[in-house]
Amino acid sequence: MTQTPDPIVNQRLDLWLLHARFGRSRSICAKIATGGQVRINRQRVTKAHAQVHVGDILTLPAPDRKTVMVIRVVGCAERRQSAPLAQLLYEIVPETV
């Protein structure tokens, strides 16, 4: 009898950033997390081991480092995958005026 593993519903912030391809290595993702640049549900995070849950809202620097992006966590992955699959882990929250 084969059972499918339970889906991952929470994950360390640095690992989630790595799997979602917001950094090239885990150490870079840990620096982003510990640098106080990330917020989980409006709470500033300074620990790389902070837990990210499905449904959380993350605020983090945009690639241009001049603005921020707001994303909703849609899923967690066990390992880093291709970019199209990594984009399925989050959705960008549109700005409201």
PDB file of N, CA and C in Angstrom:
ATOM      1  N   MET A   1       0.840  -1.164   0.000  1.00  0.00           N
ATOM      2  CA  MET A   1       0.000   0.000   0.000  1.00  0.00           C
ATOM      3  C   MET A   1       0.899   1.246   0.000  1.00  0.00           C
ATOM      4  N   THR A   2       0.766   2.056  -1.003  1.00  0.00           N
ATOM      5  CA  THR A   2       1.595   3.239  -1.154  1.00  0.00           C
ATOM      6  C   THR A   2       0.787   4.475  -0.814  1.00  0.00           C
ATOM      7  N   GLN A   3       1.347   5.293   0.053  1.00  0.00           N
ATOM      8  CA  GLN A   3       0.677   6.534   0.407  1.00  0.00           C
ATOM      9  C   GLN A   3       1.427   7.696  -0.193  1.00  0.00           C
ATOM     10  N   THR A   4       0.687   8.681  -0.630  1.00  0.00           N
ATOM     11  CA  THR A   4       1.334   9.889  -1.119  1.00  0.00           C
ATOM     12  C   THR A   4       1.715  10.745   0.073  1.00  0.00           C
ATOM     13  N   PRO A   5       2.865  11.399   0.016  1.00  0.00           N
ATOM     14  CA  PRO A   5       3.273  12.239   1.148  1.00  0.00           C
ATOM     15  C   PRO A   5       2.342  13.436   1.296  1.00  0.00           C
ATOM     16  N   ASP A   6       2.211  13.893   2.525  1.00  0.00           N
ATOM     17  CA  ASP A   6       1.380  15.065   2.789  1.00  0.00           C
ATOM     18  C   ASP A   6       1.990  16.284   2.113  1.00  0.00           C
ATOM     19  N   PRO A   7       1.154  17.161   1.555  1.00  0.00           N
ATOM     20  CA  PRO A   7       1.710  18.377   0.949  1.00  0.00           C
ATOM     21  C   PRO A   7       2.331  19.268   2.022  1.00  0.00           C
ATOM     22  N   ILE A   8       3.366  19.976   1.640  1.00  0.00           N
ATOM     23  CA  ILE A   8       4.053  20.875   2.568  1.00  0.00           C
ATOM     24  C   ILE A   8       3.210  22.136   2.721  1.00  0.00           C
ATOM     25  N   VAL A   9       2.872  22.493   3.952  1.00  0.00           N
ATOM     26  CA  VAL A   9       2.055  23.685   4.186  1.00  0.00           C
ATOM     27  C   VAL A   9       2.843  24.807   4.842  1.00  0.00           C
ATOM     28  N   ASN A  10       4.033  24.506   5.368  1.00  0.00           N
ATOM     29  CA  ASN A  10       4.891  25.567   5.900  1.00  0.00           C
ATOM     30  C   ASN A  10       6.347  25.200   5.642  1.00  0.00           C
ATOM     31  N   GLN A  11       7.192  26.234   5.643  1.00  0.00           N
ATOM     32  CA  GLN A  11       8.594  26.040   5.288  1.00  0.00           C
ATOM     33  C   GLN A  11       9.406  27.209   5.835  1.00  0.00           C
ATOM     34  N   ARG A  12      10.700  26.980   6.054  1.00  0.00           N
ATOM     35  CA  ARG A  12      11.599  28.065   6.461  1.00  0.00           C
ATOM     36  C   ARG A  12      11.604  29.144   5.385  1.00  0.00           C
ATOM     37  N   LEU A  13      11.731  30.395   5.795  1.00  0.00           N
ATOM     38  CA  LEU A  13      11.717  31.514   4.860  1.00  0.00           C
ATOM     39  C   LEU A  13      12.865  31.425   3.863  1.00  0.00           C
ATOM     40  N   ASP A  14      14.084  31.144   4.330  1.00  0.00           N
ATOM     41  CA  ASP A  14      15.208  31.093   3.400  1.00  0.00           C
ATOM     42  C   ASP A  14      15.057  29.979   2.369  1.00  0.00           C
ATOM     43  N   LEU A  15      14.533  28.839   2.783  1.00  0.00           N
ATOM     44  CA  LEU A  15      14.302  27.752   1.833  1.00  0.00           C
ATOM     45  C   LEU A  15      13.197  28.102   0.840  1.00  0.00           C
ATOM     46  N   TRP A  16      12.130  28.733   1.336  1.00  0.00           N
ATOM     47  CA  TRP A  16      11.039  29.094   0.434  1.00  0.00           C
ATOM     48  C   TRP A  16      11.535  30.100  -0.611  1.00  0.00           C
ATOM     49  N   LEU A  17      12.317  31.104  -0.190  1.00  0.00           N
ATOM     50  CA  LEU A  17      12.862  32.077  -1.137  1.00  0.00           C
ATOM     51  C   LEU A  17      13.754  31.393  -2.172  1.00  0.00           C
ATOM     52  N   LEU A  18      14.525  30.401  -1.753  1.00  0.00           N
ATOM     53  CA  LEU A  18      15.384  29.660  -2.674  1.00  0.00           C
ATOM     54  C   LEU A  18      14.546  28.865  -3.677  1.00  0.00           C
ATOM     55  N   HIS A  19      13.554  28.154  -3.180  1.00  0.00           N
ATOM     56  CA  HIS A  19      12.726  27.323  -4.054  1.00  0.00           C
ATOM     57  C   HIS A  19      11.877  28.169  -5.002  1.00  0.00           C
ATOM     58  N   ALA A  20      11.497  29.367  -4.570  1.00  0.00           N
ATOM     59  CA  ALA A  20      10.720  30.262  -5.429  1.00  0.00           C
ATOM     60  C   ALA A  20      11.628  31.114  -6.314  1.00  0.00           C
ATOM     61  N   ARG A  21      12.937  30.899  -6.229  1.00  0.00           N
ATOM     62  CA  ARG A  21      13.947  31.540  -7.076  1.00  0.00           C
ATOM     63  C   ARG A  21      14.055  33.055  -6.872  1.00  0.00           C
ATOM     64  N   PHE A  22      14.020  33.489  -5.610  1.00  0.00           N
ATOM     65  CA  PHE A  22      14.272  34.888  -5.298  1.00  0.00           C
ATOM     66  C   PHE A  22      15.742  35.121  -4.989  1.00  0.00           C
ATOM     67  N   GLY A  23      16.531  34.060  -4.998  1.00  0.00           N
ATOM     68  CA  GLY A  23      17.972  34.145  -4.800  1.00  0.00           C
ATOM     69  C   GLY A  23      18.635  32.942  -5.439  1.00  0.00           C
ATOM     70  N   ARG A  24      19.924  33.080  -5.758  1.00  0.00           N
ATOM     71  CA  ARG A  24      20.638  31.998  -6.437  1.00  0.00           C
ATOM     72  C   ARG A  24      21.142  30.924  -5.487  1.00  0.00           C
ATOM     73  N   SER A  25      21.327  31.273  -4.219  1.00  0.00           N
ATOM     74  CA  SER A  25      21.808  30.289  -3.255  1.00  0.00           C
ATOM     75  C   SER A  25      21.080  30.497  -1.930  1.00  0.00           C
ATOM     76  N   ARG A  26      21.183  29.489  -1.076  1.00  0.00           N
ATOM     77  CA  ARG A  26      20.512  29.585   0.213  1.00  0.00           C
ATOM     78  C   ARG A  26      21.137  30.683   1.068  1.00  0.00           C
ATOM     79  N   SER A  27      22.441  30.893   0.940  1.00  0.00           N
ATOM     80  CA  SER A  27      23.082  31.941   1.739  1.00  0.00           C
ATOM     81  C   SER A  27      22.602  33.329   1.313  1.00  0.00           C
ATOM     82  N   ILE A  28      22.379  33.523   0.028  1.00  0.00           N
ATOM     83  CA  ILE A  28      21.839  34.812  -0.441  1.00  0.00           C
ATOM     84  C   ILE A  28      20.419  34.995   0.081  1.00  0.00           C
ATOM     85  N   CYS A  29      19.623  33.938   0.039  1.00  0.00           N
ATOM     86  CA  CYS A  29      18.253  34.022   0.548  1.00  0.00           C
ATOM     87  C   CYS A  29      18.239  34.257   2.055  1.00  0.00           C
ATOM     88  N   ALA A  30      19.182  33.672   2.767  1.00  0.00           N
ATOM     89  CA  ALA A  30      19.284  33.897   4.212  1.00  0.00           C
ATOM     90  C   ALA A  30      19.660  35.348   4.500  1.00  0.00           C
ATOM     91  N   LYS A  31      20.531  35.945   3.670  1.00  0.00           N
ATOM     92  CA  LYS A  31      20.887  37.358   3.855  1.00  0.00           C
ATOM     93  C   LYS A  31      19.685  38.258   3.619  1.00  0.00           C
ATOM     94  N   ILE A  32      18.876  37.932   2.620  1.00  0.00           N
ATOM     95  CA  ILE A  32      17.653  38.707   2.369  1.00  0.00           C
ATOM     96  C   ILE A  32      16.737  38.612   3.581  1.00  0.00           C
ATOM     97  N   ALA A  33      16.599  37.403   4.129  1.00  0.00           N
ATOM     98  CA  ALA A  33      15.705  37.192   5.270  1.00  0.00           C
ATOM     99  C   ALA A  33      16.219  37.862   6.537  1.00  0.00           C
ATOM    100  N   THR A  34      17.516  37.776   6.801  1.00  0.00           N
ATOM    101  CA  THR A  34      18.054  38.329   8.047  1.00  0.00           C
ATOM    102  C   THR A  34      18.326  39.823   7.958  1.00  0.00           C
ATOM    103  N   GLY A  35      18.295  40.369   6.758  1.00  0.00           N
ATOM    104  CA  GLY A  35      18.569  41.791   6.583  1.00  0.00           C
ATOM    105  C   GLY A  35      17.396  42.696   6.920  1.00  0.00           C
ATOM    106  N   GLY A  36      16.286  42.122   7.347  1.00  0.00           N
ATOM    107  CA  GLY A  36      15.131  42.939   7.699  1.00  0.00           C
ATOM    108  C   GLY A  36      14.403  43.493   6.480  1.00  0.00           C
ATOM    109  N   GLN A  37      14.630  42.895   5.319  1.00  0.00           N
ATOM    110  CA  GLN A  37      14.007  43.382   4.098  1.00  0.00           C
ATOM    111  C   GLN A  37      12.687  42.690   3.797  1.00  0.00           C
ATOM    112  N   VAL A  38      12.371  41.637   4.543  1.00  0.00           N
ATOM    113  CA  VAL A  38      11.178  40.842   4.267  1.00  0.00           C
ATOM    114  C   VAL A  38      10.184  41.013   5.410  1.00  0.00           C
ATOM    115  N   ARG A  39       8.911  41.075   5.042  1.00  0.00           N
ATOM    116  CA  ARG A  39       7.829  41.095   6.026  1.00  0.00           C
ATOM    117  C   ARG A  39       6.892  39.944   5.723  1.00  0.00           C
ATOM    118  N   ILE A  40       6.478  39.260   6.773  1.00  0.00           N
ATOM    119  CA  ILE A  40       5.477  38.205   6.649  1.00  0.00           C
ATOM    120  C   ILE A  40       4.229  38.710   7.356  1.00  0.00           C
ATOM    121  N   ASN A  41       3.167  38.881   6.600  1.00  0.00           N
ATOM    122  CA  ASN A  41       1.908  39.406   7.148  1.00  0.00           C
ATOM    123  C   ASN A  41       2.143  40.700   7.931  1.00  0.00           C
ATOM    124  N   ARG A  42       2.876  41.615   7.333  1.00  0.00           N
ATOM    125  CA  ARG A  42       3.193  42.948   7.854  1.00  0.00           C
ATOM    126  C   ARG A  42       4.155  42.952   9.043  1.00  0.00           C
ATOM    127  N   GLN A  43       4.682  41.814   9.444  1.00  0.00           N
ATOM    128  CA  GLN A  43       5.627  41.738  10.552  1.00  0.00           C
ATOM    129  C   GLN A  43       7.034  41.573   9.991  1.00  0.00           C
ATOM    130  N   ARG A  44       7.932  42.488  10.360  1.00  0.00           N
ATOM    131  CA  ARG A  44       9.313  42.419   9.882  1.00  0.00           C
ATOM    132  C   ARG A  44       9.974  41.148  10.408  1.00  0.00           C
ATOM    133  N   VAL A  45      10.726  40.507   9.536  1.00  0.00           N
ATOM    134  CA  VAL A  45      11.393  39.253   9.870  1.00  0.00           C
ATOM    135  C   VAL A  45      12.899  39.483   9.838  1.00  0.00           C
ATOM    136  N   THR A  46      13.598  39.001  10.864  1.00  0.00           N
ATOM    137  CA  THR A  46      15.059  39.099  10.889  1.00  0.00           C
ATOM    138  C   THR A  46      15.696  37.732  11.084  1.00  0.00           C
ATOM    139  N   LYS A  47      14.927  36.684  10.986  1.00  0.00           N
ATOM    140  CA  LYS A  47      15.438  35.326  11.165  1.00  0.00           C
ATOM    141  C   LYS A  47      15.175  34.517   9.907  1.00  0.00           C
ATOM    142  N   ALA A  48      16.186  33.805   9.447  1.00  0.00           N
ATOM    143  CA  ALA A  48      16.034  32.975   8.250  1.00  0.00           C
ATOM    144  C   ALA A  48      15.142  31.768   8.515  1.00  0.00           C
ATOM    145  N   HIS A  49      15.004  31.380   9.778  1.00  0.00           N
ATOM    146  CA  HIS A  49      14.189  30.211  10.097  1.00  0.00           C
ATOM    147  C   HIS A  49      12.721  30.555  10.350  1.00  0.00           C
ATOM    148  N   ALA A  50      12.320  31.787  10.096  1.00  0.00           N
ATOM    149  CA  ALA A  50      10.903  32.156  10.245  1.00  0.00           C
ATOM    150  C   ALA A  50      10.063  31.274   9.332  1.00  0.00           C
ATOM    151  N   GLN A  51       8.908  30.870   9.805  1.00  0.00           N
ATOM    152  CA  GLN A  51       8.060  29.949   9.048  1.00  0.00           C
ATOM    153  C   GLN A  51       7.131  30.700   8.105  1.00  0.00           C
ATOM    154  N   VAL A  52       7.074  30.214   6.869  1.00  0.00           N
ATOM    155  CA  VAL A  52       6.170  30.740   5.855  1.00  0.00           C
ATOM    156  C   VAL A  52       5.087  29.693   5.649  1.00  0.00           C
ATOM    157  N   HIS A  53       3.831  30.113   5.714  1.00  0.00           N
ATOM    158  CA  HIS A  53       2.698  29.216   5.527  1.00  0.00           C
ATOM    159  C   HIS A  53       1.965  29.566   4.237  1.00  0.00           C
ATOM    160  N   VAL A  54       1.292  28.583   3.683  1.00  0.00           N
ATOM    161  CA  VAL A  54       0.468  28.830   2.507  1.00  0.00           C
ATOM    162  C   VAL A  54      -0.611  29.850   2.887  1.00  0.00           C
ATOM    163  N   GLY A  55      -0.752  30.895   2.081  1.00  0.00           N
ATOM    164  CA  GLY A  55      -1.710  31.957   2.359  1.00  0.00           C
ATOM    165  C   GLY A  55      -1.082  33.202   2.955  1.00  0.00           C
ATOM    166  N   ASP A  56       0.174  33.119   3.398  1.00  0.00           N
ATOM    167  CA  ASP A  56       0.855  34.290   3.954  1.00  0.00           C
ATOM    168  C   ASP A  56       1.110  35.330   2.865  1.00  0.00           C
ATOM    169  N   ILE A  57       1.160  36.582   3.290  1.00  0.00           N
ATOM    170  CA  ILE A  57       1.492  37.689   2.397  1.00  0.00           C
ATOM    171  C   ILE A  57       2.922  38.113   2.721  1.00  0.00           C
ATOM    172  N   LEU A  58       3.792  38.100   1.704  1.00  0.00           N
ATOM    173  CA  LEU A  58       5.182  38.512   1.881  1.00  0.00           C
ATOM    174  C   LEU A  58       5.414  39.833   1.172  1.00  0.00           C
ATOM    175  N   THR A  59       6.145  40.720   1.821  1.00  0.00           N
ATOM    176  CA  THR A  59       6.591  41.966   1.212  1.00  0.00           C
ATOM    177  C   THR A  59       8.107  41.906   1.170  1.00  0.00           C
ATOM    178  N   LEU A  60       8.663  42.016  -0.027  1.00  0.00           N
ATOM    179  CA  LEU A  60      10.105  41.930  -0.175  1.00  0.00           C
ATOM    180  C   LEU A  60      10.573  42.849  -1.287  1.00  0.00           C
ATOM    181  N   PRO A  61      11.873  43.141  -1.336  1.00  0.00           N
ATOM    182  CA  PRO A  61      12.374  44.064  -2.344  1.00  0.00           C
ATOM    183  C   PRO A  61      12.179  43.501  -3.751  1.00  0.00           C
ATOM    184  N   ALA A  62      11.814  44.379  -4.672  1.00  0.00           N
ATOM    185  CA  ALA A  62      11.700  43.999  -6.083  1.00  0.00           C
ATOM    186  C   ALA A  62      13.107  43.821  -6.649  1.00  0.00           C
ATOM    187  N   PRO A  63      13.224  43.156  -7.787  1.00  0.00           N
ATOM    188  CA  PRO A  63      14.559  42.950  -8.364  1.00  0.00           C
ATOM    189  C   PRO A  63      15.335  44.242  -8.616  1.00  0.00           C
ATOM    190  N   ASP A  64      14.641  45.362  -8.844  1.00  0.00           N
ATOM    191  CA  ASP A  64      15.357  46.616  -9.071  1.00  0.00           C
ATOM    192  C   ASP A  64      15.855  47.251  -7.775  1.00  0.00           C
ATOM    193  N   ARG A  65      15.465  46.696  -6.619  1.00  0.00           N
ATOM    194  CA  ARG A  65      15.859  47.161  -5.280  1.00  0.00           C
ATOM    195  C   ARG A  65      15.402  48.580  -4.955  1.00  0.00           C
ATOM    196  N   LYS A  66      14.555  49.177  -5.799  1.00  0.00           N
ATOM    197  CA  LYS A  66      14.040  50.517  -5.537  1.00  0.00           C
ATOM    198  C   LYS A  66      12.601  50.482  -5.060  1.00  0.00           C
ATOM    199  N   THR A  67      11.892  49.432  -5.376  1.00  0.00           N
ATOM    200  CA  THR A  67      10.498  49.280  -4.981  1.00  0.00           C
ATOM    201  C   THR A  67      10.340  47.960  -4.239  1.00  0.00           C
ATOM    202  N   VAL A  68       9.145  47.718  -3.773  1.00  0.00           N
ATOM    203  CA  VAL A  68       8.854  46.449  -3.112  1.00  0.00           C
ATOM    204  C   VAL A  68       7.786  45.703  -3.900  1.00  0.00           C
ATOM    205  N   MET A  69       7.762  44.398  -3.692  1.00  0.00           N
ATOM    206  CA  MET A  69       6.707  43.605  -4.302  1.00  0.00           C
ATOM    207  C   MET A  69       5.969  42.866  -3.197  1.00  0.00           C
ATOM    208  N   VAL A  70       4.678  42.715  -3.396  1.00  0.00           N
ATOM    209  CA  VAL A  70       3.830  42.032  -2.433  1.00  0.00           C
ATOM    210  C   VAL A  70       3.333  40.759  -3.105  1.00  0.00           C
ATOM    211  N   ILE A  71       3.593  39.634  -2.455  1.00  0.00           N
ATOM    212  CA  ILE A  71       3.196  38.358  -3.028  1.00  0.00           C
ATOM    213  C   ILE A  71       2.443  37.527  -1.998  1.00  0.00           C
ATOM    214  N   ARG A  72       1.611  36.633  -2.490  1.00  0.00           N
ATOM    215  CA  ARG A  72       0.872  35.691  -1.638  1.00  0.00           C
ATOM    216  C   ARG A  72       1.472  34.302  -1.871  1.00  0.00           C
ATOM    217  N   VAL A  73       1.788  33.617  -0.793  1.00  0.00           N
ATOM    218  CA  VAL A  73       2.348  32.270  -0.877  1.00  0.00           C
ATOM    219  C   VAL A  73       1.218  31.307  -1.235  1.00  0.00           C
ATOM    220  N   VAL A  74       1.402  30.602  -2.350  1.00  0.00           N
ATOM    221  CA  VAL A  74       0.384  29.669  -2.826  1.00  0.00           C
ATOM    222  C   VAL A  74       0.780  28.226  -2.524  1.00  0.00           C
ATOM    223  N   GLY A  75       2.080  27.981  -2.430  1.00  0.00           N
ATOM    224  CA  GLY A  75       2.534  26.628  -2.158  1.00  0.00           C
ATOM    225  C   GLY A  75       3.975  26.604  -1.697  1.00  0.00           C
ATOM    226  N   CYS A  76       4.399  25.418  -1.275  1.00  0.00           N
ATOM    227  CA  CYS A  76       5.778  25.184  -0.860  1.00  0.00           C
ATOM    228  C   CYS A  76       6.303  23.994  -1.658  1.00  0.00           C
ATOM    229  N   ALA A  77       7.593  23.971  -1.890  1.00  0.00           N
ATOM    230  CA  ALA A  77       8.207  22.890  -2.658  1.00  0.00           C
ATOM    231  C   ALA A  77       9.267  22.191  -1.815  1.00  0.00           C
ATOM    232  N   GLU A  78       9.528  20.942  -2.138  1.00  0.00           N
ATOM    233  CA  GLU A  78      10.553  20.194  -1.416  1.00  0.00           C
ATOM    234  C   GLU A  78      11.949  20.538  -1.892  1.00  0.00           C
ATOM    235  N   ARG A  79      12.051  20.972  -3.161  1.00  0.00           N
ATOM    236  CA  ARG A  79      13.363  21.306  -3.697  1.00  0.00           C
ATOM    237  C   ARG A  79      13.211  22.379  -4.767  1.00  0.00           C
ATOM    238  N   ARG A  80      14.342  22.954  -5.167  1.00  0.00           N
ATOM    239  CA  ARG A  80      14.346  23.995  -6.189  1.00  0.00           C
ATOM    240  C   ARG A  80      14.075  23.365  -7.550  1.00  0.00           C
ATOM    241  N   GLN A  81      13.181  24.001  -8.316  1.00  0.00           N
ATOM    242  CA  GLN A  81      12.801  23.468  -9.617  1.00  0.00           C
ATOM    243  C   GLN A  81      12.981  24.542 -10.675  1.00  0.00           C
ATOM    244  N   SER A  82      12.491  24.286 -11.866  1.00  0.00           N
ATOM    245  CA  SER A  82      12.632  25.236 -12.963  1.00  0.00           C
ATOM    246  C   SER A  82      11.853  26.516 -12.669  1.00  0.00           C
ATOM    247  N   ALA A  83      12.204  27.572 -13.365  1.00  0.00           N
ATOM    248  CA  ALA A  83      11.573  28.870 -13.131  1.00  0.00           C
ATOM    249  C   ALA A  83      10.059  28.844 -13.344  1.00  0.00           C
ATOM    250  N   PRO A  84       9.545  28.221 -14.409  1.00  0.00           N
ATOM    251  CA  PRO A  84       8.078  28.193 -14.562  1.00  0.00           C
ATOM    252  C   PRO A  84       7.368  27.486 -13.407  1.00  0.00           C
ATOM    253  N   LEU A  85       7.981  26.426 -12.872  1.00  0.00           N
ATOM    254  CA  LEU A  85       7.377  25.744 -11.731  1.00  0.00           C
ATOM    255  C   LEU A  85       7.520  26.560 -10.453  1.00  0.00           C
ATOM    256  N   ALA A  86       8.622  27.282 -10.324  1.00  0.00           N
ATOM    257  CA  ALA A  86       8.827  28.120  -9.141  1.00  0.00           C
ATOM    258  C   ALA A  86       7.812  29.247  -9.085  1.00  0.00           C
ATOM    259  N   GLN A  87       7.395  29.757 -10.230  1.00  0.00           N
ATOM    260  CA  GLN A  87       6.402  30.832 -10.254  1.00  0.00           C
ATOM    261  C   GLN A  87       5.035  30.362  -9.790  1.00  0.00           C
ATOM    262  N   LEU A  88       4.809  29.073  -9.741  1.00  0.00           N
ATOM    263  CA  LEU A  88       3.540  28.538  -9.249  1.00  0.00           C
ATOM    264  C   LEU A  88       3.457  28.561  -7.722  1.00  0.00           C
ATOM    265  N   LEU A  89       4.577  28.858  -7.058  1.00  0.00           N
ATOM    266  CA  LEU A  89       4.589  28.886  -5.595  1.00  0.00           C
ATOM    267  C   LEU A  89       4.035  30.186  -5.023  1.00  0.00           C
ATOM    268  N   TYR A  90       3.854  31.194  -5.863  1.00  0.00           N
ATOM    269  CA  TYR A  90       3.382  32.486  -5.376  1.00  0.00           C
ATOM    270  C   TYR A  90       2.569  33.188  -6.453  1.00  0.00           C
ATOM    271  N   GLU A  91       1.811  34.183  -6.008  1.00  0.00           N
ATOM    272  CA  GLU A  91       1.129  35.076  -6.948  1.00  0.00           C
ATOM    273  C   GLU A  91       1.355  36.509  -6.480  1.00  0.00           C
ATOM    274  N   ILE A  92       1.548  37.388  -7.433  1.00  0.00           N
ATOM    275  CA  ILE A  92       1.805  38.780  -7.115  1.00  0.00           C
ATOM    276  C   ILE A  92       0.485  39.453  -6.800  1.00  0.00           C
ATOM    277  N   VAL A  93       0.430  40.151  -5.679  1.00  0.00           N
ATOM    278  CA  VAL A  93      -0.777  40.865  -5.275  1.00  0.00           C
ATOM    279  C   VAL A  93      -0.773  42.214  -5.977  1.00  0.00           C
ATOM    280  N   PRO A  94      -1.803  42.523  -6.744  1.00  0.00           N
ATOM    281  CA  PRO A  94      -1.831  43.809  -7.451  1.00  0.00           C
ATOM    282  C   PRO A  94      -1.965  44.981  -6.476  1.00  0.00           C
ATOM    283  N   GLU A  95      -1.410  46.114  -6.894  1.00  0.00           N
ATOM    284  CA  GLU A  95      -1.517  47.319  -6.077  1.00  0.00           C
ATOM    285  C   GLU A  95      -2.940  47.828  -6.087  1.00  0.00           C
ATOM    286  N   THR A  96      -3.399  48.325  -4.954  1.00  0.00           N
ATOM    287  CA  THR A  96      -4.718  48.932  -4.886  1.00  0.00           C
ATOM    288  C   THR A  96      -4.550  50.420  -4.663  1.00  0.00           C
ATOM    289  N   VAL A  97      -5.382  51.180  -5.311  1.00  0.00           N
ATOM    290  CA  VAL A  97      -5.280  52.622  -5.227  1.00  0.00           C
ATOM    291  C   VAL A  97      -6.335  53.156  -4.300  1.00  0.00           C
TER     292      VAL A  97
END
